Structure formats: structure tokens, C-alpha cells
Protein backbone atom coordinates (compact mmCIF):
# COMPACT_ATOMS: atom_id res chain seq x y z
CA MET A 1 0.21 0.12 0.00
CA PRO A 2 1.28 3.40 -0.87
CA LYS A 3 2.28 5.52 1.96
CA SER A 4 0.48 8.36 3.09
CA ALA A 5 1.69 11.98 2.97
CA SER A 6 1.83 11.93 6.87
CA ASP A 7 3.34 8.80 6.74
CA SER A 8 6.94 9.66 4.20
CA PRO A 9 9.62 10.43 5.45
CA SER A 10 10.09 14.21 4.01
CA LEU A 11 11.45 17.51 5.40
CA ALA A 12 7.68 18.92 5.46
CA PRO A 13 7.34 18.81 9.45
CA SER A 14 10.83 20.54 10.04
CA ARG A 15 10.22 23.68 7.58
CA LYS A 16 7.20 24.19 9.42
CA LEU A 17 9.26 25.45 12.00
CA ASP A 18 10.58 28.07 9.90
CA MET A 19 7.17 30.09 9.93
CA GLN A 20 8.99 33.35 8.28
CA ALA A 21 10.21 30.73 5.29
CA PRO A 22 9.08 31.69 1.82
CA PRO A 23 7.00 30.09 -0.14
CA GLU A 24 8.79 28.06 -2.59
CA THR A 25 8.36 27.32 -5.86
CA GLN A 26 9.32 24.40 -8.02
CA VAL A 27 9.01 24.54 -12.30
CA VAL A 28 10.10 21.79 -14.48
CA ILE A 29 11.64 21.53 -17.91
CA ASP A 30 11.17 18.43 -20.02
CA PHE A 31 13.78 18.14 -23.29
CA ASP A 32 14.03 16.84 -26.27
CA ASP A 33 17.34 16.32 -26.48
CA ASN A 34 19.42 13.36 -24.81
CA ARG A 35 22.49 14.31 -26.26
CA ALA A 36 22.21 17.98 -25.65
CA VAL A 37 20.58 17.37 -21.78
CA SER A 38 23.97 15.78 -21.11
CA ALA A 39 25.43 18.63 -22.21
CA LEU A 40 23.23 20.70 -20.69
CA VAL A 41 23.56 19.07 -16.97
CA GLY A 42 27.85 18.72 -17.43
CA PRO A 43 30.14 16.51 -15.84
CA TYR A 44 29.42 14.81 -12.98
CA GLY A 45 26.35 17.31 -12.68
CA GLN A 46 29.25 19.89 -12.36
CA ASN A 47 26.88 23.33 -14.43
CA LEU A 48 23.38 22.40 -12.77
CA ALA A 49 25.74 22.60 -9.25
CA GLN A 50 26.76 25.87 -11.03
CA LEU A 51 23.49 27.19 -10.79
CA GLU A 52 22.65 25.67 -7.39
CA ARG A 53 25.50 28.13 -6.06
CA ARG A 54 24.71 30.59 -7.79
CA LEU A 55 20.45 31.42 -7.98
CA GLY A 56 20.09 30.33 -4.77
CA VAL A 57 18.24 27.07 -6.42
CA VAL A 58 17.58 23.62 -6.00
CA VAL A 59 18.55 21.34 -9.21
CA ASP A 60 17.22 17.93 -9.67
CA SER A 61 18.21 16.36 -13.03
CA ARG A 62 16.14 12.86 -14.09
CA GLY A 63 16.70 11.74 -17.45
CA ASN A 64 15.20 14.81 -19.50
CA HIS A 65 13.42 15.95 -17.20
CA ILE A 66 15.22 18.72 -14.93
CA THR A 67 12.94 20.02 -11.45
CA ILE A 68 13.85 23.49 -10.37
CA ALA A 69 12.68 24.64 -6.68
CA GLY A 70 13.12 27.62 -4.95
CA SER A 71 12.05 31.27 -4.66
CA ARG A 72 9.66 32.23 -7.42
CA ASP A 73 12.66 34.72 -9.10
CA GLY A 74 15.66 32.89 -8.66
CA CYS A 75 13.20 29.74 -10.24
CA ASP A 76 12.53 31.54 -13.14
CA ALA A 77 15.30 32.57 -14.34
CA GLY A 78 17.04 29.12 -13.53
CA ARG A 79 14.21 28.57 -16.36
CA ARG A 80 15.49 31.00 -18.66
CA VAL A 81 19.52 29.95 -17.67
CA LEU A 82 18.92 26.58 -18.60
CA GLU A 83 16.42 27.19 -21.75
CA THR A 84 19.05 29.36 -23.07
CA LEU A 85 22.46 26.88 -22.72
CA TYR A 86 19.90 24.40 -23.99
CA THR A 87 19.47 25.91 -27.15
CA GLN A 88 23.06 26.24 -27.62
CA ALA A 89 24.28 22.84 -26.92
CA ALA A 90 21.32 21.47 -29.66
CA GLN A 91 23.10 23.54 -31.62
CA GLY A 92 26.70 21.83 -30.78
CA HIS A 93 28.20 24.87 -28.79
CA ASP A 94 31.28 23.28 -25.41
CA LEU A 95 29.30 23.89 -22.80
CA SER A 96 32.06 25.15 -20.34
CA GLN A 97 32.03 26.67 -16.93
CA GLY A 98 32.50 30.44 -18.48
CA GLU A 99 29.61 30.09 -20.75
CA VAL A 100 27.23 29.09 -18.14
CA GLU A 101 28.12 31.85 -16.06
CA GLY A 102 28.15 34.05 -19.29
CA ALA A 103 24.40 33.02 -19.43
CA ILE A 104 23.41 33.46 -15.79
CA ARG A 105 25.26 36.56 -15.68
CA ALA A 106 22.66 38.47 -18.92
CA VAL A 107 19.70 36.43 -16.91
CA ILE A 108 20.37 38.27 -13.56
CA ALA A 109 21.16 41.93 -16.19
CA GLN A 110 18.19 41.58 -18.15
CA GLY A 111 16.19 40.67 -15.12
CA SER A 112 12.07 39.00 -15.22
CA LEU A 113 10.42 41.36 -16.68
CA PHE A 114 10.89 41.45 -20.22
CA GLU A 115 9.79 39.53 -23.52
CA TYR A 116 11.93 35.95 -23.31
CA ASP A 117 12.59 34.19 -26.18
CA ALA A 118 15.05 31.02 -25.08
CA LYS A 119 15.45 30.34 -28.76
CA ALA A 120 16.58 33.30 -30.29
CA PRO A 121 20.27 32.92 -32.17
CA ARG A 122 22.25 33.88 -28.94
CA SER A 123 21.70 36.58 -25.61
CA THR A 124 20.43 40.50 -25.45
CA PHE A 125 24.47 39.91 -25.05
CA GLU A 126 27.01 41.65 -28.13
CA ALA A 127 28.31 38.47 -29.81
CA ILE A 128 31.77 38.18 -32.52
CA ASN A 129 30.98 36.08 -34.58
CA LEU A 130 33.83 33.81 -36.17
CA ARG A 131 34.92 31.45 -38.26
CA LYS A 132 35.31 28.81 -35.83
CA ARG A 133 33.21 29.57 -33.82
CA PRO A 134 31.18 33.27 -31.98
CA VAL A 135 31.83 34.76 -29.07
CA ARG A 136 29.72 35.72 -26.75
CA ALA A 137 30.04 38.58 -24.02
CA ARG A 138 29.65 36.83 -20.50
CA THR A 139 29.07 40.05 -18.61
CA ALA A 140 27.16 43.27 -18.57
CA ALA A 141 31.32 44.84 -19.37
CA GLN A 142 32.05 42.15 -21.79
CA ASP A 143 28.96 43.34 -24.10
CA LEU A 144 29.49 46.86 -23.71
CA TYR A 145 33.60 46.37 -24.27
CA ILE A 146 32.57 44.35 -27.93
CA ARG A 147 30.20 46.79 -28.36
CA ALA A 148 32.94 49.80 -27.95
CA LEU A 149 35.21 47.25 -30.22
CA LYS A 150 32.77 47.88 -32.91
CA ARG A 151 32.09 51.69 -32.72
CA HIS A 152 35.24 53.07 -32.05
CA GLU A 153 38.88 53.55 -33.85
CA LEU A 154 40.84 53.44 -30.55
CA VAL A 155 39.24 51.49 -27.22
CA PHE A 156 41.10 51.19 -24.15
CA GLY A 157 40.25 47.78 -21.97
CA ILE A 158 41.15 48.63 -18.09
CA GLY A 159 40.71 46.08 -15.70
CA PRO A 160 42.15 42.61 -13.44
CA ALA A 161 43.58 39.16 -15.20
CA GLY A 162 40.32 37.23 -16.32
CA THR A 163 37.61 39.84 -17.28
CA GLY A 164 38.99 38.73 -20.89
CA LYS A 165 39.46 41.97 -21.85
CA THR A 166 42.36 40.49 -24.41
CA TRP A 167 40.34 37.11 -25.16
CA LEU A 168 37.55 40.27 -26.80
CA ALA A 169 40.52 41.87 -27.98
CA VAL A 170 41.33 39.09 -30.29
CA ALA A 171 38.64 38.08 -30.88
CA GLN A 172 37.86 41.44 -32.67
CA ALA A 173 41.16 41.94 -34.77
CA ALA A 174 40.08 38.45 -36.10
CA GLN A 175 37.27 39.42 -37.06
CA LEU A 176 37.89 42.25 -38.90
CA PHE A 177 40.74 40.39 -40.54
CA GLU A 178 38.37 36.88 -41.51
CA ARG A 179 36.15 39.86 -43.49
CA LYS A 180 38.72 41.39 -45.31
CA GLU A 181 37.86 44.73 -43.11
CA VAL A 182 41.85 45.23 -42.69
CA ASP A 183 44.71 43.08 -44.26
CA ARG A 184 46.98 42.60 -40.89
CA ILE A 185 47.12 41.77 -37.38
CA ILE A 186 49.63 43.49 -35.06
CA LEU A 187 50.55 42.20 -32.11
CA THR A 188 52.60 44.19 -29.22
CA ARG A 189 53.76 44.64 -25.63
CA PRO A 190 56.32 45.73 -23.75
CA ALA A 191 59.42 43.24 -22.48
CA VAL A 192 59.57 45.15 -19.29
CA GLU A 193 60.84 42.05 -17.56
CA ALA A 194 62.92 42.55 -20.05
CA GLY A 195 64.26 45.83 -20.13
CA GLU A 196 63.28 45.20 -23.79
CA ARG A 197 66.85 44.09 -24.54
CA LEU A 198 66.27 40.77 -26.19
CA GLY A 199 69.40 40.50 -27.39
CA PHE A 200 70.43 37.99 -24.46
CA LEU A 201 67.53 35.37 -25.71
CA PRO A 202 67.83 32.14 -28.12
CA GLY A 203 66.73 32.67 -31.77
CA ASP A 204 64.99 35.15 -33.82
CA LEU A 205 63.08 38.28 -32.78
CA ARG A 206 59.16 36.36 -33.48
CA GLU A 207 61.04 33.46 -30.81
CA LYS A 208 62.23 36.30 -28.11
CA VAL A 209 59.11 38.08 -28.21
CA ASP A 210 57.31 34.86 -27.94
CA PRO A 211 57.41 34.38 -24.05
CA TYR A 212 55.83 37.71 -23.77
CA LEU A 213 52.94 36.59 -26.11
CA ARG A 214 51.88 33.60 -25.49
CA PRO A 215 48.50 34.90 -24.33
CA ILE A 216 48.03 36.25 -27.79
CA TYR A 217 49.39 33.38 -29.18
CA ASP A 218 46.78 30.83 -27.24
CA ALA A 219 43.53 33.06 -28.40
CA LEU A 220 44.63 33.26 -31.79
CA TYR A 221 45.01 29.47 -31.59
CA ASP A 222 41.76 29.13 -29.99
CA LEU A 223 39.90 31.07 -31.97
CA MET A 224 40.94 30.77 -35.63
CA ASP A 225 41.93 27.31 -37.27
CA SER A 226 45.37 26.98 -36.29
CA ARG A 227 46.88 26.57 -40.35
CA ILE A 228 45.43 30.30 -40.93
CA VAL A 229 47.11 31.42 -38.14
CA GLU A 230 50.23 29.52 -39.04
CA ARG A 231 49.41 30.97 -42.79
CA ALA A 232 49.33 34.28 -42.13
CA LEU A 233 52.74 34.33 -38.94
CA GLN A 234 54.35 33.15 -42.46
CA SER A 235 53.45 35.80 -45.13
CA GLY A 236 53.57 38.50 -41.95
CA GLU A 237 49.45 39.23 -41.55
CA ILE A 238 49.51 38.19 -38.55
CA GLU A 239 52.65 40.34 -37.23
CA ILE A 240 54.54 40.27 -33.82
CA ALA A 241 56.63 42.61 -32.49
CA PRO A 242 57.85 43.89 -29.19
CA LEU A 243 56.54 47.90 -28.46
CA ALA A 244 60.27 49.36 -29.04
CA PHE A 245 59.89 48.14 -32.97
CA MET A 246 57.30 50.25 -33.37
CA ARG A 247 58.87 53.75 -33.40
CA GLY A 248 59.12 55.31 -37.22
CA ARG A 249 56.11 53.04 -38.53
CA THR A 250 52.88 54.07 -39.70
CA LEU A 251 50.44 50.80 -39.06
CA THR A 252 47.74 51.26 -42.29
CA ASN A 253 45.41 48.84 -42.44
CA ALA A 254 45.55 47.26 -39.20
CA ALA A 255 44.00 45.79 -36.05
CA ILE A 256 46.55 46.83 -33.56
CA ILE A 257 46.28 45.01 -30.06
CA LEU A 258 48.86 46.85 -27.43
CA ASP A 259 48.92 44.44 -24.59
CA GLU A 260 49.77 44.92 -20.64
CA ALA A 261 50.11 48.96 -21.43
CA GLN A 262 50.18 49.14 -18.04
CA ASN A 263 53.82 48.48 -18.38
CA THR A 264 54.59 51.36 -20.88
CA THR A 265 56.07 54.78 -19.71
CA SER A 266 54.68 57.70 -21.05
CA MET A 267 57.06 57.98 -24.25
CA GLN A 268 55.89 54.65 -24.84
CA MET A 269 52.71 54.90 -24.78
CA LYS A 270 52.71 58.24 -26.74
CA MET A 271 54.55 56.61 -29.37
CA PHE A 272 52.44 53.33 -29.89
CA LEU A 273 49.35 55.72 -30.23
CA THR A 274 50.65 57.70 -32.69
CA ARG A 275 51.04 54.78 -35.27
CA LEU A 276 47.55 54.63 -35.91
CA GLY A 277 47.06 55.45 -39.63
CA GLU A 278 43.82 55.08 -42.62
CA ASN A 279 41.61 52.79 -42.12
CA SER A 280 42.96 50.82 -38.78
CA ARG A 281 42.24 49.62 -35.11
CA MET A 282 43.87 50.07 -32.28
CA ILE A 283 43.12 47.86 -29.33
CA VAL A 284 45.27 49.17 -25.66
CA THR A 285 44.82 46.56 -22.57
CA GLY A 286 46.21 46.57 -18.76
CA ASP A 287 45.54 45.96 -15.55
CA PRO A 288 46.38 49.47 -13.36
CA SER A 289 47.27 46.99 -10.04
CA GLN A 290 49.81 45.31 -12.21
CA VAL A 291 52.71 47.69 -13.04
CA ASP A 292 55.93 46.51 -13.19
CA LEU A 293 57.67 49.44 -14.13
CA PRO A 294 60.43 51.21 -11.58
CA ASN A 295 59.34 52.87 -8.52
CA GLY A 296 58.45 56.89 -9.39
CA GLN A 297 58.09 56.00 -13.02
CA THR A 298 54.04 56.66 -14.37
CA SER A 299 52.24 54.00 -16.33
CA GLY A 300 51.79 55.11 -19.97
CA LEU A 301 48.41 53.22 -19.31
CA ALA A 302 46.87 55.45 -16.34
CA GLU A 303 48.67 58.83 -17.98
CA ALA A 304 46.61 58.10 -22.07
CA THR A 305 43.45 57.06 -20.14
CA ARG A 306 43.60 60.54 -18.21
CA LEU A 307 44.32 62.66 -20.87
CA LEU A 308 42.11 61.06 -23.21
CA ASP A 309 39.50 61.15 -21.46
CA GLY A 310 36.29 62.24 -23.80
CA VAL A 311 38.15 62.41 -26.41
CA GLU A 312 35.77 61.92 -29.92
CA GLY A 313 36.73 58.58 -31.62
CA VAL A 314 38.25 57.08 -28.01
CA ALA A 315 36.49 54.71 -26.27
CA GLN A 316 37.65 53.49 -22.32
CA VAL A 317 35.87 50.36 -20.51
CA LYS A 318 36.37 49.81 -17.05
CA PHE A 319 36.33 45.80 -15.87
CA THR A 320 36.15 44.94 -11.91
CA ALA A 321 36.73 41.60 -9.97
CA GLY A 322 32.60 40.68 -10.70
CA ASP A 323 33.78 41.07 -14.54
CA VAL A 324 36.19 37.83 -13.69
CA ILE A 325 35.16 34.88 -15.38
CA ARG A 326 37.81 32.16 -15.39
CA HIS A 327 37.05 30.77 -11.77
CA GLU A 328 34.49 31.55 -8.98
CA LEU A 329 38.09 31.78 -6.56
CA VAL A 330 39.96 33.83 -9.06
CA ALA A 331 37.39 36.26 -8.45
CA ARG A 332 37.61 36.53 -4.97
CA ILE A 333 41.29 36.36 -5.20
CA VAL A 334 40.59 39.83 -7.28
CA ALA A 335 38.17 40.90 -4.99
CA ALA A 336 40.96 40.73 -2.18
CA TYR A 337 43.93 42.34 -3.45
CA GLU A 338 41.36 44.88 -4.58
CA GLY A 339 41.18 45.24 -1.04
CA LEU A 340 44.81 46.54 0.08
CA PRO A 341 45.77 49.78 -0.07
CA PRO A 342 47.13 51.41 -2.80
CA ARG A 343 51.46 50.86 -2.72
CA PRO A 344 53.34 54.48 -2.01
CA ALA A 345 55.18 55.86 -4.40
CA ALA A 346 58.71 56.13 -5.11
CA GLY A 347 60.37 58.69 -2.36
CA LYS A 348 57.07 58.70 -0.26
CA PRO A 349 56.26 57.77 2.93
């Protein structure tokens, strides 16, 4: 004989003790594609666990049925996140933890009072469409950054590590290159650790600079076909050069990225910015909290963002610890370091 509700060993009696607990809502979603549902749940249910932590709900998966329990707003947000991710999975996209976090942040940013369409080709956040795969903004700051990259000739992306500044800059440059809106991509950064003196390192110029530009290389190979990248590097259509080698050049028909710009001096930054030629786009990224210049030397990035604030054609997008998308712990680490008092400049107590 089936058990009655009073015989069932449920948590109902304990819940009656909390008279202030809000009423719980339950949402059940049925999906059709088994493969897409498996990708949606993630290995060992990690995607659902991430959803639970971020939205304060309880998510249970049984076959193609997923149940969300919690507050009304939490369940509504969870449903929208799952439907968005399911649509991406059904289209063959991989669902990394970053993609899950991006979908959660997009839903939170959209709020609950809007017309929602889970089958829309993309979220309301901007995207950069590459041949290999689309790159979507995962935070409101990234969305603003992509919009700025598409509309301005010079863009500063400023903020802590892990916010996607360099990643999205390379994606935008790759898109311009694939669409033949520019003829080449130029990647540069100051080699502060070697004092711009790279002669003692073995190999040719590219091999000397490689250790400093490895993050950009990684982004290129992840966003573009490796054969295209290798061919473009050999032909010079993708050029890797230390900042010291930019002097005297005029860069036309190019997408130019200066990474780690917080380590430029005032003169280096001025020199670099004045290299901008006809039909070119320039993207400058940096983290003001990680300046490796000698004490007392002004960061060219800090000076440039101050001097060019409000100048027509120039956009500045600032990221915070809340925009870190690498790992939940990275965001907490950045926040902890941001809480430290600023280091005094040389010669000051």
C-alpha cells in the first residue's frame, strides 16, 4: 500500500518550524534531445551545481526532466538559463563553466520583466561571430566592451586579470581580418622583464618575443583555424613585435593590439598611439594594479586614459573583480587584493 503524505519521511515537518520561510516554487522542464541534455547537465552535474550556487535554488535532473525548486525569481531565472544553454547545446556548442556563468549573468542583467525568447540565436549580449565559433559577452562590462570595439577606432580595456580584455580584443581583430576589413593583425606588448633588451634570448625576433605574447598566441589559436594562423604568421599578415620596434612606423589597414599596457612608459604610450594609420583599429588592454615599472615611473596607460577621457573616437571600458570569468576563486582573489591599500610611490612614506 503506498505511503500517505504523513507517513513519508519528508522534510515537511521541519519546514513548519520556520514560519518566516518564503513559499517555495517548483518548475519542471522537459527537454527532447538526450545529447543536449547531457551537455547541459555537465560532467558529474557540475553545470547544475553552478546554477544552484549562483541562484540559490535546488536543481534535480532525471533523464530529460529537470526540476528547479526555490524562490519564484530564482526558479524563473534558472528556467531561462537552462533553456538558453539547452538551445546552445542543441546547436552543437560546448558548455564550459564560463558559458554557464555567462548565461547566468545575462539573465540576471536582463531582470525578470522582459520578453524572453529562449530560441533566439543569441542572448541580448553582443557577440563576435568568427568562422570557428561565436564569442559571446558573458558580463555587462564585456557587452559594453564589444560594442565599443565595433564602434570606435581606439578602445582602452582596463581591469583585473581574467575579465576577458585580451581575449575579446583578439576576437575582434580576428573578425576584422576574416572579413577582410583589415589586411593584417599586429600584436605587441612591452617586454618590461627584459628591459626591452631581448638580444640575450635565443632565436629570431619572433622566438625572442614569444614568451611575452604567449597569452595572445593562445587566444589566436583558440579563435582561428591553426593552419590559417600559421600561414598568416609566415606571410606577415599576423605580426608579432615588441613595443620598442613600433617607433617610426605608420600602421595602416591593420587591427593593432597593445597588451599589458600598464607597463608602458609615458613616452612609449604616446609613441604607440601616434602609430595609428588610415583604416586601422587600435585596442589597448592593461591592468593598472599590476604595474611592473620601476618605482616612481608613471604608467603610460594611466596617463593616456586620463588625457584621452572624452576624446571623440576613443572609448574606455573598465572591468572590476565582478567581471572575472576564469574561475569563481579568481574573482575572490582579485577582490581580496583590491581591498589592500595602494602601495606608496618611490620617495613617499
